[in-house]
Each structure stands twice: as structure tokens, then as C-alpha cells.
Amino acid sequence: MKKAIIGRKVGMTQIFDESGKVVPVTVIEAGPCVVVQKKTPEKDSYSSVQLGFEDVKERKLTKPEIGHLKKAQVPMKKHLKEFRLENADDLNVGDTITSDVFAVGDRVDVTGISKGKGYAGVIKRHGAHRTPTSHGGGPVHRHAGSMGSGTDPSRIFKGKIGAGQMGVEQVTVQNLDVVKVDSEFNMLVVRGAIPGPKGGIVYVKNSVKVAKEKKASSAPTRVNLQKKSARG
């Protein structure tokens, strides 16, 4: 069953597993989220629910947002996000979703807005190489190289690498393990790092891709032994 929730990144820490190994984890304040709107196949041609997260004062919202929330008869919420859930038909406006929709061992995808790194050049932003620093190279060495012919088309095509704003874009990290769930504190702990700064809003949902575990193969070992015996 597909599950999803809106949360806020608290920060990173580390815990120890049963074998004593250090596991880097990220703590997420997940929910509680309230169902603000419900869409049905009969009326909207598909099923989904819109969730609201984090209470906010009415004066900080626009008139359309206030009207939308008052129509649903739910508290004023700062963040809204629509999710297509398999159990959307079972949910109703006003229902609350908490972090316990996930369980330890689940695989999740976390989406957020990455940290802003300001105006950056092509080397930092795209991993480009420097131009030659000798034999007539220059006068600049950290600019992008040739982008194509000059006469035709006499312009640079869209999508070419260049300097510009780095970061502040939507990023999704996939297949993160849920290490701990605490519904009392609305806490969701996942293995590894997630996008965004501390306090950033993130969307947590089931993984769309299933990560296959690699099985150790003994074939390379046999080959190495044969080569070693042949040399001897």
C-alpha cells in the first residue's frame, strides 16, 4: 500500500545497530498531517488526497488559501501537498495521518529543496575541467570550453553547461531505510542524508524502485586461484 506524509528535517545524528556499527541517520518531524481535500474518479477522474502540515495564523495566508481550508473545516495549515495513495478512497476530509503509517524496515523516497550554494562556475556546478594553463592557454582557465561552431547556428543551444545559480532545486533521494518510528514525538528516522537544510520541508513516500540486494559470488575467487596456481 502506498503511503506518504509531509515532514520537516530536524537534522542528522548517528545510532548504533545491534552489531555495534555506527549508522548515520536523519531525523524527520513527520506530521501530523490532516486531509484537506479528497479527489475521486467520478468527479476528478483520479483518486488522491491533499494533506496539510503545520498550523499557521490565518493572517499569514492568502484569501484563496483561507477559503480553501475553511471549506474543508480544518485548521489553517501552512504547507499543502497532494498525494495519490492507494487507500485514498478510505480517507475522508479531516482525517489525521501520523508517522506511524510507516514501519521500521520500510524503504522510502524523500523529496526536498536542496541547499542554495549561490552563483557558481562550471567547475563547481557541473564538474567541468580547467582549460590548459600553459602553451598559450588562457587568459581564463575556469570557463566553459568551446560550445560549438560560431557561424552556424551562431548561438549556444539550451541545456549547455554554464555558470549560474547552484542548488535550491527539487531533489529526491531514493531507497532510504526507515530505522525508527515514534508516533508520540512525530519522529521518523531514516538511514542516510536527505535534501535541504535543517528545518526544510520534505515529502516522504514509499519507494518507487525496489533496491536489489547484491549477492556475493564465489566465481571470481575460483578464477583468481586458478591464475595463481598457473603461475606457480
C-alpha atoms as a PDB file:
ATOM      1  CA  MET A   1       0.000   0.000   0.000  1.00  0.00           C
ATOM      2  CA  LYS A   2       1.371   3.399  -0.974  1.00  0.00           C
ATOM      3  CA  LYS A   3       1.935   5.734   1.970  1.00  0.00           C
ATOM      4  CA  ALA A   4       3.079   9.351   2.194  1.00  0.00           C
ATOM      5  CA  ILE A   5       3.437  12.179   4.693  1.00  0.00           C
ATOM      6  CA  ILE A   6       4.750  15.746   4.922  1.00  0.00           C
ATOM      7  CA  GLY A   7       7.561  16.445   7.374  1.00  0.00           C
ATOM      8  CA  ARG A   8      10.314  18.775   8.434  1.00  0.00           C
ATOM      9  CA  LYS A   9      14.023  17.932   8.509  1.00  0.00           C
ATOM     10  CA  VAL A  10      15.303  18.177  12.092  1.00  0.00           C
ATOM     11  CA  GLY A  11      18.926  17.220  11.461  1.00  0.00           C
ATOM     12  CA  MET A  12      21.414  14.364  11.307  1.00  0.00           C
ATOM     13  CA  THR A  13      22.796  12.189  14.069  1.00  0.00           C
ATOM     14  CA  GLN A  14      24.035   8.629  14.476  1.00  0.00           C
ATOM     15  CA  ILE A  15      22.846   5.491  16.208  1.00  0.00           C
ATOM     16  CA  PHE A  16      24.308   2.049  16.806  1.00  0.00           C
ATOM     17  CA  ASP A  17      22.791  -1.100  15.360  1.00  0.00           C
ATOM     18  CA  GLU A  18      22.628  -4.498  17.027  1.00  0.00           C
ATOM     19  CA  SER A  19      26.140  -5.396  15.888  1.00  0.00           C
ATOM     20  CA  GLY A  20      27.585  -2.162  17.294  1.00  0.00           C
ATOM     21  CA  LYS A  21      28.151  -0.439  13.948  1.00  0.00           C
ATOM     22  CA  VAL A  22      27.541   3.299  13.626  1.00  0.00           C
ATOM     23  CA  VAL A  23      24.584   4.165  11.386  1.00  0.00           C
ATOM     24  CA  PRO A  24      24.254   7.780  10.130  1.00  0.00           C
ATOM     25  CA  VAL A  25      20.590   8.797  10.248  1.00  0.00           C
ATOM     26  CA  THR A  26      18.379  11.821   9.613  1.00  0.00           C
ATOM     27  CA  VAL A  27      15.566  12.735  11.997  1.00  0.00           C
ATOM     28  CA  ILE A  28      12.329  13.960  10.395  1.00  0.00           C
ATOM     29  CA  GLU A  29       9.382  15.547  12.182  1.00  0.00           C
ATOM     30  CA  ALA A  30       6.726  13.696  10.181  1.00  0.00           C
ATOM     31  CA  GLY A  31       3.203  15.004  10.604  1.00  0.00           C
ATOM     32  CA  PRO A  32       0.662  15.039  11.994  1.00  0.00           C
ATOM     33  CA  CYS A  33      -0.985  15.850   8.670  1.00  0.00           C
ATOM     34  CA  VAL A  34      -4.690  16.467   8.130  1.00  0.00           C
ATOM     35  CA  VAL A  35      -6.624  15.567   4.980  1.00  0.00           C
ATOM     36  CA  VAL A  36      -7.674  18.897   3.456  1.00  0.00           C
ATOM     37  CA  GLN A  37      -9.159  17.711   0.150  1.00  0.00           C
ATOM     38  CA  LYS A  38     -10.215  14.420  -1.393  1.00  0.00           C
ATOM     39  CA  LYS A  39     -10.410  13.773  -5.121  1.00  0.00           C
ATOM     40  CA  THR A  40     -12.453  10.922  -6.596  1.00  0.00           C
ATOM     41  CA  PRO A  41     -12.548   9.241 -10.033  1.00  0.00           C
ATOM     42  CA  GLU A  42     -16.198  10.254 -10.501  1.00  0.00           C
ATOM     43  CA  LYS A  43     -15.518  13.960 -10.032  1.00  0.00           C
ATOM     44  CA  ASP A  44     -11.817  14.415 -10.841  1.00  0.00           C
ATOM     45  CA  SER A  45     -11.028  11.290 -12.938  1.00  0.00           C
ATOM     46  CA  TYR A  46      -8.446  10.062 -10.398  1.00  0.00           C
ATOM     47  CA  SER A  47      -8.075   9.352  -6.683  1.00  0.00           C
ATOM     48  CA  SER A  48      -5.880  11.410  -4.379  1.00  0.00           C
ATOM     49  CA  VAL A  49      -5.830  13.318  -1.124  1.00  0.00           C
ATOM     50  CA  GLN A  50      -4.350  16.698  -0.254  1.00  0.00           C
ATOM     51  CA  LEU A  51      -2.547  16.823   3.073  1.00  0.00           C
ATOM     52  CA  GLY A  52      -1.909  19.879   5.237  1.00  0.00           C
ATOM     53  CA  PHE A  53       1.039  20.258   7.599  1.00  0.00           C
ATOM     54  CA  GLU A  54       1.981  22.756  10.322  1.00  0.00           C
ATOM     55  CA  ASP A  55      -0.520  25.153  11.907  1.00  0.00           C
ATOM     56  CA  VAL A  56      -0.284  28.796  10.907  1.00  0.00           C
ATOM     57  CA  LYS A  57      -2.095  32.024  11.749  1.00  0.00           C
ATOM     58  CA  GLU A  58      -4.866  32.977   9.369  1.00  0.00           C
ATOM     59  CA  ARG A  59      -3.371  36.410   8.667  1.00  0.00           C
ATOM     60  CA  LYS A  60      -0.299  34.756   7.108  1.00  0.00           C
ATOM     61  CA  LEU A  61      -2.334  33.027   4.376  1.00  0.00           C
ATOM     62  CA  THR A  62      -3.878  34.388   1.200  1.00  0.00           C
ATOM     63  CA  LYS A  63      -7.648  34.711   0.820  1.00  0.00           C
ATOM     64  CA  PRO A  64      -7.879  31.740  -1.598  1.00  0.00           C
ATOM     65  CA  GLU A  65      -5.947  29.556   0.866  1.00  0.00           C
ATOM     66  CA  ILE A  66      -8.155  30.636   3.765  1.00  0.00           C
ATOM     67  CA  GLY A  67     -11.305  29.912   1.769  1.00  0.00           C
ATOM     68  CA  HIS A  68      -9.973  26.517   0.700  1.00  0.00           C
ATOM     69  CA  LEU A  69      -9.219  25.469   4.298  1.00  0.00           C
ATOM     70  CA  LYS A  70     -12.437  26.891   5.748  1.00  0.00           C
ATOM     71  CA  LYS A  71     -14.460  24.971   3.156  1.00  0.00           C
ATOM     72  CA  ALA A  72     -12.832  21.773   4.422  1.00  0.00           C
ATOM     73  CA  GLN A  73     -13.472  22.869   8.030  1.00  0.00           C
ATOM     74  CA  VAL A  74      -9.903  22.104   9.055  1.00  0.00           C
ATOM     75  CA  PRO A  75      -7.349  24.239  10.963  1.00  0.00           C
ATOM     76  CA  MET A  76      -5.225  26.696   8.993  1.00  0.00           C
ATOM     77  CA  LYS A  77      -2.211  24.858   7.539  1.00  0.00           C
ATOM     78  CA  LYS A  78       0.963  26.346   6.112  1.00  0.00           C
ATOM     79  CA  HIS A  79       2.014  23.558   3.731  1.00  0.00           C
ATOM     80  CA  LEU A  80      -0.258  21.634   1.360  1.00  0.00           C
ATOM     81  CA  LYS A  81       0.675  18.690  -0.859  1.00  0.00           C
ATOM     82  CA  GLU A  82      -1.349  16.252  -2.925  1.00  0.00           C
ATOM     83  CA  PHE A  83      -0.545  12.530  -2.928  1.00  0.00           C
ATOM     84  CA  ARG A  84      -2.014   9.683  -4.956  1.00  0.00           C
ATOM     85  CA  LEU A  85      -2.497   6.992  -2.331  1.00  0.00           C
ATOM     86  CA  GLU A  86      -3.928   3.549  -2.905  1.00  0.00           C
ATOM     87  CA  ASN A  87      -6.189   3.934   0.143  1.00  0.00           C
ATOM     88  CA  ALA A  88      -7.332   7.445  -0.822  1.00  0.00           C
ATOM     89  CA  ASP A  89     -10.921   6.202  -1.084  1.00  0.00           C
ATOM     90  CA  ASP A  90     -10.829   5.125   2.578  1.00  0.00           C
ATOM     91  CA  LEU A  91      -9.716   8.563   3.806  1.00  0.00           C
ATOM     92  CA  ASN A  92     -12.028  11.488   4.438  1.00  0.00           C
ATOM     93  CA  VAL A  93     -11.527  15.221   4.850  1.00  0.00           C
ATOM     94  CA  GLY A  94     -10.465  15.918   8.423  1.00  0.00           C
ATOM     95  CA  ASP A  95      -8.670  12.590   8.972  1.00  0.00           C
ATOM     96  CA  THR A  96      -5.225  12.749  10.555  1.00  0.00           C
ATOM     97  CA  ILE A  97      -2.140  10.926   9.278  1.00  0.00           C
ATOM     98  CA  THR A  98       0.782  10.425  11.648  1.00  0.00           C
ATOM     99  CA  SER A  99       4.276   8.990  11.364  1.00  0.00           C
ATOM    100  CA  ASP A 100       3.105   5.505  12.367  1.00  0.00           C
ATOM    101  CA  VAL A 101       1.852   4.918   8.802  1.00  0.00           C
ATOM    102  CA  PHE A 102       5.464   3.843   8.216  1.00  0.00           C
ATOM    103  CA  ALA A 103       7.173   0.959   9.993  1.00  0.00           C
ATOM    104  CA  VAL A 104      10.751   0.021  10.714  1.00  0.00           C
ATOM    105  CA  GLY A 105      12.236  -1.666   7.651  1.00  0.00           C
ATOM    106  CA  ASP A 106      10.197   0.272   5.071  1.00  0.00           C
ATOM    107  CA  ARG A 107      12.001   1.798   2.088  1.00  0.00           C
ATOM    108  CA  VAL A 108      11.102   5.437   1.403  1.00  0.00           C
ATOM    109  CA  ASP A 109      11.884   8.222  -1.066  1.00  0.00           C
ATOM    110  CA  VAL A 110      12.425  11.671   0.441  1.00  0.00           C
ATOM    111  CA  THR A 111      11.914  14.807  -1.670  1.00  0.00           C
ATOM    112  CA  GLY A 112      13.044  18.273  -0.652  1.00  0.00           C
ATOM    113  CA  ILE A 113      14.621  21.520  -1.844  1.00  0.00           C
ATOM    114  CA  SER A 114      18.414  21.330  -1.821  1.00  0.00           C
ATOM    115  CA  LYS A 115      20.622  23.852  -0.055  1.00  0.00           C
ATOM    116  CA  GLY A 116      21.424  27.019  -2.006  1.00  0.00           C
ATOM    117  CA  LYS A 117      25.108  27.458  -2.873  1.00  0.00           C
ATOM    118  CA  GLY A 118      24.904  30.809  -4.645  1.00  0.00           C
ATOM    119  CA  TYR A 119      26.275  31.749  -8.057  1.00  0.00           C
ATOM    120  CA  ALA A 120      28.816  29.107  -9.095  1.00  0.00           C
ATOM    121  CA  GLY A 121      31.018  28.476 -12.103  1.00  0.00           C
ATOM    122  CA  VAL A 122      31.000  25.450 -14.397  1.00  0.00           C
ATOM    123  CA  ILE A 123      33.745  23.634 -12.461  1.00  0.00           C
ATOM    124  CA  LYS A 124      31.858  23.646  -9.165  1.00  0.00           C
ATOM    125  CA  ARG A 125      28.384  23.499 -10.679  1.00  0.00           C
ATOM    126  CA  HIS A 126      28.860  20.872 -13.403  1.00  0.00           C
ATOM    127  CA  GLY A 127      32.252  19.279 -12.686  1.00  0.00           C
ATOM    128  CA  ALA A 128      33.922  20.714 -15.806  1.00  0.00           C
ATOM    129  CA  HIS A 129      37.706  20.601 -16.254  1.00  0.00           C
ATOM    130  CA  ARG A 130      40.030  23.590 -16.364  1.00  0.00           C
ATOM    131  CA  THR A 131      41.405  24.712 -19.691  1.00  0.00           C
ATOM    132  CA  PRO A 132      45.186  24.370 -20.342  1.00  0.00           C
ATOM    133  CA  THR A 133      47.304  26.617 -18.123  1.00  0.00           C
ATOM    134  CA  SER A 134      50.322  26.720 -20.454  1.00  0.00           C
ATOM    135  CA  HIS A 135      51.262  26.741 -24.158  1.00  0.00           C
ATOM    136  CA  GLY A 136      49.054  29.680 -24.995  1.00  0.00           C
ATOM    137  CA  GLY A 137      46.109  28.722 -22.778  1.00  0.00           C
ATOM    138  CA  GLY A 138      44.087  31.479 -21.204  1.00  0.00           C
ATOM    139  CA  PRO A 139      43.569  34.236 -20.365  1.00  0.00           C
ATOM    140  CA  VAL A 140      40.903  32.431 -18.318  1.00  0.00           C
ATOM    141  CA  HIS A 141      41.103  28.832 -17.136  1.00  0.00           C
ATOM    142  CA  ARG A 142      37.863  28.159 -15.252  1.00  0.00           C
ATOM    143  CA  HIS A 143      35.393  28.976 -18.037  1.00  0.00           C
ATOM    144  CA  ALA A 144      33.497  26.506 -20.202  1.00  0.00           C
ATOM    145  CA  GLY A 145      35.279  25.476 -23.392  1.00  0.00           C
ATOM    146  CA  SER A 146      34.000  25.501 -26.957  1.00  0.00           C
ATOM    147  CA  MET A 147      30.233  25.215 -27.238  1.00  0.00           C
ATOM    148  CA  GLY A 148      30.047  24.578 -30.982  1.00  0.00           C
ATOM    149  CA  SER A 149      30.541  26.344 -34.305  1.00  0.00           C
ATOM    150  CA  GLY A 150      30.312  30.130 -34.458  1.00  0.00           C
ATOM    151  CA  THR A 151      28.851  30.801 -37.927  1.00  0.00           C
ATOM    152  CA  ASP A 152      26.035  28.282 -37.777  1.00  0.00           C
ATOM    153  CA  PRO A 153      23.945  28.242 -35.574  1.00  0.00           C
ATOM    154  CA  SER A 154      25.692  31.350 -34.146  1.00  0.00           C
ATOM    155  CA  ARG A 155      24.262  30.718 -30.720  1.00  0.00           C
ATOM    156  CA  ILE A 156      24.511  28.294 -27.803  1.00  0.00           C
ATOM    157  CA  PHE A 157      21.819  25.646 -27.599  1.00  0.00           C
ATOM    158  CA  LYS A 158      19.690  25.400 -24.474  1.00  0.00           C
ATOM    159  CA  GLY A 159      20.871  22.872 -21.909  1.00  0.00           C
ATOM    160  CA  LYS A 160      24.594  23.571 -22.290  1.00  0.00           C
ATOM    161  CA  ILE A 161      26.571  23.810 -19.079  1.00  0.00           C
ATOM    162  CA  GLY A 162      27.355  27.262 -17.760  1.00  0.00           C
ATOM    163  CA  ALA A 163      27.743  29.352 -14.654  1.00  0.00           C
ATOM    164  CA  GLY A 164      24.644  30.180 -12.652  1.00  0.00           C
ATOM    165  CA  GLN A 165      22.636  29.610  -9.505  1.00  0.00           C
ATOM    166  CA  MET A 166      23.605  26.319  -7.838  1.00  0.00           C
ATOM    167  CA  GLY A 167      21.239  24.460  -5.533  1.00  0.00           C
ATOM    168  CA  VAL A 168      17.706  25.457  -4.472  1.00  0.00           C
ATOM    169  CA  GLU A 169      16.147  22.800  -6.683  1.00  0.00           C
ATOM    170  CA  GLN A 170      13.951  19.803  -6.038  1.00  0.00           C
ATOM    171  CA  VAL A 171      15.959  16.693  -5.191  1.00  0.00           C
ATOM    172  CA  THR A 172      14.734  13.175  -4.378  1.00  0.00           C
ATOM    173  CA  VAL A 173      16.825  10.614  -2.521  1.00  0.00           C
ATOM    174  CA  GLN A 174      15.539   7.097  -3.097  1.00  0.00           C
ATOM    175  CA  ASN A 175      15.518   3.822  -1.168  1.00  0.00           C
ATOM    176  CA  LEU A 176      16.261   5.027   2.352  1.00  0.00           C
ATOM    177  CA  ASP A 177      15.644   2.570   5.194  1.00  0.00           C
ATOM    178  CA  VAL A 178      13.293   3.565   7.990  1.00  0.00           C
ATOM    179  CA  VAL A 179      15.302   2.902  11.148  1.00  0.00           C
ATOM    180  CA  LYS A 180      12.922   4.142  13.846  1.00  0.00           C
ATOM    181  CA  VAL A 181       9.343   5.399  14.166  1.00  0.00           C
ATOM    182  CA  ASP A 182       7.991   7.256  17.220  1.00  0.00           C
ATOM    183  CA  SER A 183       4.395   8.429  16.838  1.00  0.00           C
ATOM    184  CA  GLU A 184       4.425  10.044  20.293  1.00  0.00           C
ATOM    185  CA  PHE A 185       7.013  12.612  19.178  1.00  0.00           C
ATOM    186  CA  ASN A 186       6.008  12.525  15.464  1.00  0.00           C
ATOM    187  CA  MET A 187       9.507  11.262  14.711  1.00  0.00           C
ATOM    188  CA  LEU A 188      10.673   9.360  11.668  1.00  0.00           C
ATOM    189  CA  VAL A 189      14.332   8.308  11.496  1.00  0.00           C
ATOM    190  CA  VAL A 190      15.795   7.231   8.140  1.00  0.00           C
ATOM    191  CA  ARG A 191      19.242   5.942   7.244  1.00  0.00           C
ATOM    192  CA  GLY A 192      21.485   8.392   5.383  1.00  0.00           C
ATOM    193  CA  ALA A 193      21.124  12.014   4.303  1.00  0.00           C
ATOM    194  CA  ILE A 194      18.137  13.804   2.813  1.00  0.00           C
ATOM    195  CA  PRO A 195      17.995  17.042   0.785  1.00  0.00           C
ATOM    196  CA  GLY A 196      17.671  20.500   2.270  1.00  0.00           C
ATOM    197  CA  PRO A 197      18.804  22.446   5.322  1.00  0.00           C
ATOM    198  CA  LYS A 198      17.667  21.925   8.900  1.00  0.00           C
ATOM    199  CA  GLY A 199      14.057  22.977   9.155  1.00  0.00           C
ATOM    200  CA  GLY A 200      13.355  22.355   5.464  1.00  0.00           C
ATOM    201  CA  ILE A 201      10.066  20.805   4.365  1.00  0.00           C
ATOM    202  CA  VAL A 202      10.320  17.278   2.928  1.00  0.00           C
ATOM    203  CA  TYR A 203       7.864  14.796   1.436  1.00  0.00           C
ATOM    204  CA  VAL A 204       8.242  11.157   2.473  1.00  0.00           C
ATOM    205  CA  LYS A 205       6.626   8.368   0.466  1.00  0.00           C
ATOM    206  CA  ASN A 206       7.107   4.716  -0.452  1.00  0.00           C
ATOM    207  CA  SER A 207       9.996   3.894  -2.751  1.00  0.00           C
ATOM    208  CA  VAL A 208       9.045   3.667  -6.401  1.00  0.00           C
ATOM    209  CA  LYS A 209      12.039   1.466  -7.149  1.00  0.00           C
ATOM    210  CA  VAL A 210      12.885  -1.735  -5.331  1.00  0.00           C
ATOM    211  CA  ALA A 211      16.569  -1.949  -4.444  1.00  0.00           C
ATOM    212  CA  LYS A 212      18.004  -5.367  -5.211  1.00  0.00           C
ATOM    213  CA  GLU A 213      20.496  -6.716  -2.724  1.00  0.00           C
ATOM    214  CA  LYS A 214      23.776  -7.827  -4.254  1.00  0.00           C
ATOM    215  CA  LYS A 215      24.644 -11.472  -3.673  1.00  0.00           C
ATOM    216  CA  ALA A 216      28.263 -12.400  -3.140  1.00  0.00           C
ATOM    217  CA  SER A 217      29.571 -14.611  -5.922  1.00  0.00           C
ATOM    218  CA  SER A 218      32.367 -17.122  -5.468  1.00  0.00           C
ATOM    219  CA  ALA A 219      33.251 -17.251  -9.186  1.00  0.00           C
ATOM    220  CA  PRO A 220      35.933 -14.523  -9.112  1.00  0.00           C
ATOM    221  CA  THR A 221      37.658 -16.296  -6.224  1.00  0.00           C
ATOM    222  CA  ARG A 222      37.928 -19.543  -8.192  1.00  0.00           C
ATOM    223  CA  VAL A 223      39.353 -17.683 -11.200  1.00  0.00           C
ATOM    224  CA  ASN A 224      41.979 -15.991  -9.025  1.00  0.00           C
ATOM    225  CA  LEU A 225      43.004 -19.313  -7.503  1.00  0.00           C
ATOM    226  CA  GLN A 226      43.371 -20.884 -10.921  1.00  0.00           C
ATOM    227  CA  LYS A 227      45.533 -17.987 -12.133  1.00  0.00           C
ATOM    228  CA  LYS A 228      47.664 -18.182  -9.034  1.00  0.00           C
ATOM    229  CA  SER A 229      48.197 -21.935  -9.404  1.00  0.00           C
ATOM    230  CA  ALA A 230      49.023 -21.488 -13.107  1.00  0.00           C
ATOM    231  CA  ARG A 231      51.750 -19.012 -12.313  1.00  0.00           C
ATOM    232  CA  GLY A 232      53.176 -21.372  -9.708  1.00  0.00           C
END
